[in-house]
Amino acid sequence: LMTTAPMRRLVLEGKDPASWGEQHGEALRDEVREAYAVRLALTLERTDLGDEDAVLALGRRHLPLLQRFDAALYEELCGIARGAGLTPEQVVVINHYTDLRDLGRRHLDERLAQAAGDPGGEEGCSVLFTPSPRGPLLGQTWDMHGSATDFVWLLEVPGGPGAGAEDGRTLLFTLAGCVGMTGLTSWGLGMTINN
């Protein structure tokens, strides 16, 4: 018989994404810092990036792209860094482990082998959507490293995409130090991610 503990929940307050990030980073500081260490070690183990400086250099290159693409998400990520006492590029490493892993030559070679019919290596993520008589169903799989289990959280964020803080809530599955990874708004809008 398998039993599970209830998912830990962090309720964020206010209207400002930077403040949400700071609340997240402060409340989960030790876990965020531990998640960085784990994700950095995995990145170095599974890629040929070489060392922490090389990994962080890639993280720094992501920051202006994120800021241009979604300023609020950028502010939230920087807030997590401030709250946890890390740099923004360290928080990028926590959030983008699978993306960083894909940048190494070894991983690209594995993907080429898979395309040629070799089923070895990691499979990645899948997103599933289907209409149903009871409403749309949305699901996602992650082929995460087992270490992620220790960092799972449910974030409750005021508002949602295109809404003010007073207009509902968004529930997001995530890991300590990561912005939301998949979730649902109080209006029924589902969100997922993939590589």
Protein backbone atom coordinates (compact mmCIF):
# COMPACT_ATOMS: atom_id res chain seq x y z
CA LEU A 1 0.00 0.00 0.00
CA MET A 2 1.47 3.32 -1.08
CA THR A 3 0.61 6.45 0.87
CA THR A 4 1.44 10.01 -0.05
CA ALA A 5 1.65 13.19 1.96
CA PRO A 6 -0.51 16.13 0.88
CA MET A 7 1.19 18.49 -1.56
CA ARG A 8 2.82 21.41 0.19
CA ARG A 9 1.20 24.75 -0.65
CA LEU A 10 2.62 28.27 -0.74
CA VAL A 11 0.08 31.11 -1.00
CA LEU A 12 1.51 34.28 -2.55
CA GLU A 13 -0.07 37.67 -1.89
CA GLY A 14 -0.21 41.06 -3.60
CA LYS A 15 -0.29 42.22 -7.21
CA ASP A 16 3.40 42.44 -8.08
CA PRO A 17 5.22 39.51 -9.74
CA ALA A 18 8.54 40.68 -8.25
CA SER A 19 6.95 40.48 -4.79
CA TRP A 20 5.57 37.01 -5.55
CA GLY A 21 9.08 35.90 -6.45
CA GLU A 22 10.54 37.41 -3.28
CA GLN A 23 7.88 35.69 -1.15
CA HIS A 24 8.66 32.39 -2.90
CA GLY A 25 12.43 32.79 -2.49
CA GLU A 26 12.24 33.85 1.16
CA ALA A 27 9.74 31.18 2.22
CA LEU A 28 11.61 28.36 0.45
CA ARG A 29 15.16 29.75 0.70
CA ASP A 30 16.90 26.56 1.86
CA GLU A 31 15.07 24.39 -0.67
CA VAL A 32 15.72 26.84 -3.52
CA ARG A 33 19.43 26.85 -2.73
CA GLU A 34 19.47 23.05 -2.48
CA ALA A 35 17.56 22.75 -5.77
CA TYR A 36 20.21 24.93 -7.43
CA ALA A 37 22.98 22.65 -6.19
CA VAL A 38 21.15 19.54 -7.41
CA ARG A 39 20.27 21.00 -10.82
CA LEU A 40 23.81 22.33 -11.34
CA ALA A 41 25.31 18.93 -10.50
CA LEU A 42 22.90 17.19 -12.90
CA THR A 43 23.65 19.69 -15.66
CA LEU A 44 27.38 19.16 -15.26
CA GLU A 45 26.97 15.38 -15.07
CA ARG A 46 24.77 15.12 -18.17
CA THR A 47 26.42 17.68 -20.45
CA ASP A 48 29.84 18.61 -21.67
CA LEU A 49 29.43 22.23 -20.52
CA GLY A 50 32.48 21.86 -18.28
CA ASP A 51 31.97 23.86 -15.11
CA GLU A 52 29.65 26.10 -13.11
CA ASP A 53 30.94 29.26 -14.80
CA ALA A 54 29.99 27.91 -18.24
CA VAL A 55 26.52 26.92 -17.03
CA LEU A 56 25.95 30.31 -15.39
CA ALA A 57 27.13 32.08 -18.55
CA LEU A 58 24.32 30.32 -20.43
CA GLY A 59 21.89 31.34 -17.69
CA ARG A 60 22.95 34.98 -18.03
CA ARG A 61 22.34 34.83 -21.78
CA HIS A 62 18.75 33.75 -21.13
CA LEU A 63 17.87 36.68 -18.87
CA PRO A 64 17.53 39.48 -21.49
CA LEU A 65 15.50 37.13 -23.69
CA LEU A 66 13.11 36.40 -20.83
CA GLN A 67 12.87 40.10 -19.95
CA ARG A 68 11.89 40.98 -23.54
CA PHE A 69 9.49 38.06 -23.88
CA ASP A 70 7.67 38.42 -20.54
CA ALA A 71 8.73 41.25 -18.22
CA ALA A 72 6.45 40.08 -15.38
CA LEU A 73 7.89 36.55 -15.46
CA TYR A 74 11.41 38.03 -15.53
CA GLU A 75 10.58 40.13 -12.45
CA GLU A 76 9.19 37.07 -10.67
CA LEU A 77 12.33 35.05 -11.43
CA CYS A 78 14.58 37.89 -10.21
CA GLY A 79 12.43 38.15 -7.08
CA ILE A 80 12.97 34.44 -6.37
CA ALA A 81 16.71 35.07 -6.67
CA ARG A 82 16.61 38.03 -4.26
CA GLY A 83 14.47 36.17 -1.75
CA ALA A 84 16.69 33.07 -1.81
CA GLY A 85 20.00 34.96 -1.85
CA LEU A 86 21.00 33.64 -5.28
CA THR A 87 21.77 35.33 -8.59
CA PRO A 88 19.13 35.39 -11.34
CA GLU A 89 21.27 33.11 -13.51
CA GLN A 90 21.37 30.54 -10.70
CA VAL A 91 17.58 30.59 -10.65
CA VAL A 92 17.62 30.13 -14.44
CA VAL A 93 19.59 26.90 -13.86
CA ILE A 94 16.85 25.65 -11.51
CA ASN A 95 14.13 26.54 -14.00
CA HIS A 96 15.86 25.39 -17.18
CA TYR A 97 17.66 22.18 -16.28
CA THR A 98 16.15 20.23 -19.17
CA ASP A 99 16.88 23.07 -21.60
CA LEU A 100 20.49 23.36 -20.40
CA ARG A 101 20.85 19.59 -20.57
CA ASP A 102 19.83 19.73 -24.23
CA LEU A 103 22.65 22.17 -25.08
CA GLY A 104 25.47 19.70 -24.51
CA ARG A 105 27.01 17.78 -27.43
CA ARG A 106 26.46 14.43 -25.71
CA HIS A 107 22.72 15.06 -25.42
CA LEU A 108 22.47 16.15 -29.05
CA ASP A 109 24.25 12.94 -30.07
CA GLU A 110 21.73 10.91 -27.99
CA ARG A 111 18.84 12.69 -29.74
CA LEU A 112 20.33 11.95 -33.15
CA ALA A 113 20.68 8.28 -32.18
CA GLN A 114 17.03 8.22 -31.03
CA ALA A 115 15.94 9.72 -34.34
CA ALA A 116 17.85 6.90 -36.07
CA GLY A 117 15.90 4.28 -34.09
CA ASP A 118 17.92 3.83 -30.89
CA PRO A 119 15.39 4.15 -28.01
CA GLY A 120 18.06 4.89 -25.36
CA GLY A 121 18.28 8.11 -23.38
CA GLU A 122 15.58 10.25 -21.80
CA GLU A 123 12.25 10.72 -23.50
CA GLY A 124 11.19 14.25 -22.53
CA CYS A 125 7.70 15.62 -21.84
CA SER A 126 4.21 15.09 -23.25
CA VAL A 127 1.15 17.30 -23.11
CA LEU A 128 -2.29 15.76 -23.56
CA PHE A 129 -5.58 17.53 -24.26
CA THR A 130 -8.99 16.13 -25.13
CA PRO A 131 -12.55 17.38 -25.03
CA SER A 132 -14.82 15.26 -22.85
CA PRO A 133 -18.50 15.23 -21.87
CA ARG A 134 -17.52 16.78 -18.50
CA GLY A 135 -15.30 19.47 -20.05
CA PRO A 136 -11.78 19.62 -21.44
CA LEU A 137 -9.10 17.42 -19.91
CA LEU A 138 -5.50 18.57 -19.78
CA GLY A 139 -2.52 16.61 -18.53
CA GLN A 140 1.23 16.64 -18.74
CA THR A 141 4.04 14.21 -18.08
CA TRP A 142 7.57 15.02 -17.10
CA ASP A 143 10.45 12.63 -17.26
CA MET A 144 12.13 14.47 -14.40
CA HIS A 145 15.08 13.33 -12.44
CA GLY A 146 13.92 11.64 -9.22
CA SER A 147 15.56 14.36 -7.13
CA ALA A 148 12.75 16.75 -8.13
CA THR A 149 10.32 14.94 -5.82
CA ASP A 150 11.79 16.60 -2.73
CA PHE A 151 11.12 20.09 -4.11
CA VAL A 152 7.46 19.84 -5.23
CA TRP A 153 5.11 22.68 -4.25
CA LEU A 154 1.69 23.99 -5.19
CA LEU A 155 1.80 27.78 -5.63
CA GLU A 156 -1.34 29.81 -5.26
CA VAL A 157 -0.96 33.13 -7.06
CA PRO A 158 -3.44 36.03 -7.11
CA GLY A 159 -5.10 36.71 -10.46
CA GLY A 160 -4.10 35.02 -13.65
CA PRO A 161 -3.18 35.75 -17.24
CA GLY A 162 -4.75 39.06 -18.18
CA ALA A 163 -6.49 39.47 -14.82
CA GLY A 164 -6.02 41.64 -11.75
CA ALA A 165 -5.16 40.23 -8.32
CA GLU A 166 -8.77 40.67 -7.20
CA ASP A 167 -10.09 38.59 -10.09
CA GLY A 168 -9.40 35.05 -8.96
CA ARG A 169 -6.47 32.73 -8.30
CA THR A 170 -4.06 30.56 -10.25
CA LEU A 171 -2.84 27.22 -8.86
CA LEU A 172 0.52 26.09 -10.18
CA PHE A 173 2.48 22.87 -9.73
CA THR A 174 6.14 23.77 -9.41
CA LEU A 175 9.45 23.03 -7.75
CA ALA A 176 11.13 25.25 -5.17
CA GLY A 177 12.85 28.02 -7.11
CA CYS A 178 10.84 27.52 -10.29
CA VAL A 179 8.10 29.73 -11.63
CA GLY A 180 4.92 27.75 -12.25
CA MET A 181 5.38 24.63 -14.34
CA THR A 182 1.76 23.68 -15.00
CA GLY A 183 -1.49 24.92 -13.57
CA LEU A 184 -5.07 26.03 -13.73
CA THR A 185 -6.74 29.39 -13.23
CA SER A 186 -9.99 29.87 -11.36
CA TRP A 187 -11.53 30.54 -14.80
CA GLY A 188 -10.52 27.10 -16.09
CA LEU A 189 -7.54 28.13 -18.22
CA GLY A 190 -4.97 25.32 -18.20
CA MET A 191 -1.23 25.94 -18.66
CA THR A 192 1.55 23.49 -19.45
CA ILE A 193 5.19 23.60 -20.53
CA ASN A 194 7.43 21.51 -22.68
CA ASN A 195 11.05 21.62 -23.87
